[in-house]
Amino acid sequence: MTNITFYKKDNLIIGFEVKGHTGKAEYGSDLLCCQISTVAQLAVVGMENLNVSYFKEISDGFLKIKIDEKLAKNDNIQFLFKTCLDSFKAIIIDEKKYAKLEVKNV
């Protein structure tokens, strides 16, 4: 199961975490896991292209990205995070057995 958690503060997305493998198919050929990983990596590439300071942690089956609350007010950062959130929702809409998404206010 893959757990995707977005973190919001004062109605701004300040980061997200993707944890675990979906287990829908054999490791290395799991297309659902691949789709989720691609969206998560898109956020990393997007942050690099925006040239802002942010926190990231990446390991096997895990990606966490977080931004300072002051920087989170940037419209481009919010657009990037919201696009990732909407993309995750679309990908896992019929995959409740393999992936879960939640938004937490912190």
Protein backbone atom coordinates (compact mmCIF):
# COMPACT_ATOMS: atom_id res chain seq x y z
CA MET A 1 0.00 0.00 0.00
CA THR A 2 1.20 3.48 -0.85
CA ASN A 3 0.23 6.28 1.52
CA ILE A 4 0.25 9.82 0.15
CA THR A 5 -0.08 12.61 2.70
CA PHE A 6 -0.27 16.30 1.87
CA TYR A 7 0.38 18.86 4.60
CA LYS A 8 -1.47 22.18 4.71
CA LYS A 9 -1.05 25.17 6.97
CA ASP A 10 -3.23 28.26 6.77
CA ASN A 11 -4.84 26.83 3.62
CA LEU A 12 -1.46 26.55 1.85
CA ILE A 13 0.13 23.26 0.87
CA ILE A 14 3.55 23.15 2.53
CA GLY A 15 4.61 19.68 1.40
CA PHE A 16 3.76 16.05 0.95
CA GLU A 17 5.01 12.54 1.64
CA VAL A 18 4.71 9.37 -0.43
CA LYS A 19 5.44 6.17 1.47
CA GLY A 20 5.41 2.52 0.47
CA HIS A 21 4.98 0.42 -2.65
CA THR A 22 1.49 -0.25 -3.98
CA GLY A 23 1.94 -4.00 -4.31
CA LYS A 24 -0.42 -4.10 -7.27
CA ALA A 25 2.11 -5.91 -9.46
CA GLU A 26 5.56 -7.43 -9.17
CA TYR A 27 8.28 -5.00 -8.06
CA GLY A 28 9.76 -3.35 -11.14
CA SER A 29 6.66 -3.81 -13.28
CA ASP A 30 4.03 -2.10 -11.12
CA LEU A 31 2.59 0.63 -13.35
CA LEU A 32 0.54 2.18 -10.55
CA CYS A 33 3.64 2.56 -8.40
CA CYS A 34 5.46 4.00 -11.41
CA GLN A 35 2.74 6.61 -11.99
CA ILE A 36 2.79 7.69 -8.35
CA SER A 37 6.59 7.90 -8.36
CA THR A 38 6.58 9.98 -11.53
CA VAL A 39 4.23 12.58 -10.04
CA ALA A 40 6.31 12.72 -6.85
CA GLN A 41 9.51 13.23 -8.83
CA LEU A 42 7.77 15.93 -10.88
CA ALA A 43 7.48 17.98 -7.68
CA VAL A 44 11.22 17.63 -7.06
CA VAL A 45 12.07 18.71 -10.61
CA GLY A 46 9.58 21.56 -10.36
CA MET A 47 11.11 22.83 -7.13
CA GLU A 48 14.58 22.67 -8.67
CA ASN A 49 13.34 24.66 -11.67
CA LEU A 50 11.78 27.27 -9.38
CA ASN A 51 15.21 27.58 -7.75
CA VAL A 52 13.90 27.81 -4.18
CA SER A 53 15.21 26.32 -0.99
CA TYR A 54 13.25 23.28 0.20
CA PHE A 55 13.63 20.06 2.17
CA LYS A 56 13.57 16.69 0.46
CA GLU A 57 14.17 13.16 1.60
CA ILE A 58 14.22 10.28 -0.87
CA SER A 59 14.81 6.58 -0.33
CA ASP A 60 13.36 3.33 -1.63
CA GLY A 61 9.60 3.64 -1.47
CA PHE A 62 9.74 7.05 0.21
CA LEU A 63 9.74 10.69 -0.86
CA LYS A 64 9.11 13.69 1.34
CA ILE A 65 9.18 17.28 0.19
CA LYS A 66 8.55 20.31 2.39
CA ILE A 67 8.83 24.06 1.97
CA ASP A 68 9.10 26.92 4.43
CA GLU A 69 5.73 28.48 5.19
CA LYS A 70 6.83 31.90 3.90
CA LEU A 71 7.89 30.42 0.56
CA ALA A 72 4.67 28.41 0.35
CA LYS A 73 2.81 31.65 -0.43
CA ASN A 74 4.47 31.64 -3.86
CA ASP A 75 1.78 31.08 -6.51
CA ASN A 76 4.07 28.87 -8.61
CA ILE A 77 4.78 26.59 -5.66
CA GLN A 78 1.08 26.30 -4.84
CA PHE A 79 0.32 25.57 -8.49
CA LEU A 80 2.97 22.81 -8.50
CA PHE A 81 1.70 21.23 -5.27
CA LYS A 82 -1.97 21.47 -6.31
CA THR A 83 -1.18 19.91 -9.68
CA CYS A 84 0.57 17.03 -7.91
CA LEU A 85 -2.37 16.62 -5.51
CA ASP A 86 -4.88 16.54 -8.37
CA SER A 87 -2.68 14.13 -10.32
CA PHE A 88 -2.38 11.74 -7.37
CA LYS A 89 -6.16 11.87 -6.91
CA ALA A 90 -6.74 11.01 -10.57
CA ILE A 91 -4.23 8.17 -10.53
CA ILE A 92 -5.56 6.42 -7.43
CA ILE A 93 -9.29 7.09 -7.80
CA ASP A 94 -10.06 3.42 -8.50
CA GLU A 95 -7.08 1.98 -6.62
CA LYS A 96 -8.24 2.15 -2.99
CA LYS A 97 -6.82 -1.31 -2.31
CA TYR A 98 -3.32 -0.16 -3.28
CA ALA A 99 -3.06 3.56 -2.47
CA LYS A 100 -4.51 6.05 -0.02
CA LEU A 101 -4.39 9.86 -0.08
CA GLU A 102 -5.07 12.22 2.78
CA VAL A 103 -4.64 15.94 3.46
CA LYS A 104 -3.63 16.95 6.97
CA ASN A 105 -3.78 20.39 8.49
CA VAL A 106 -0.70 21.04 10.61
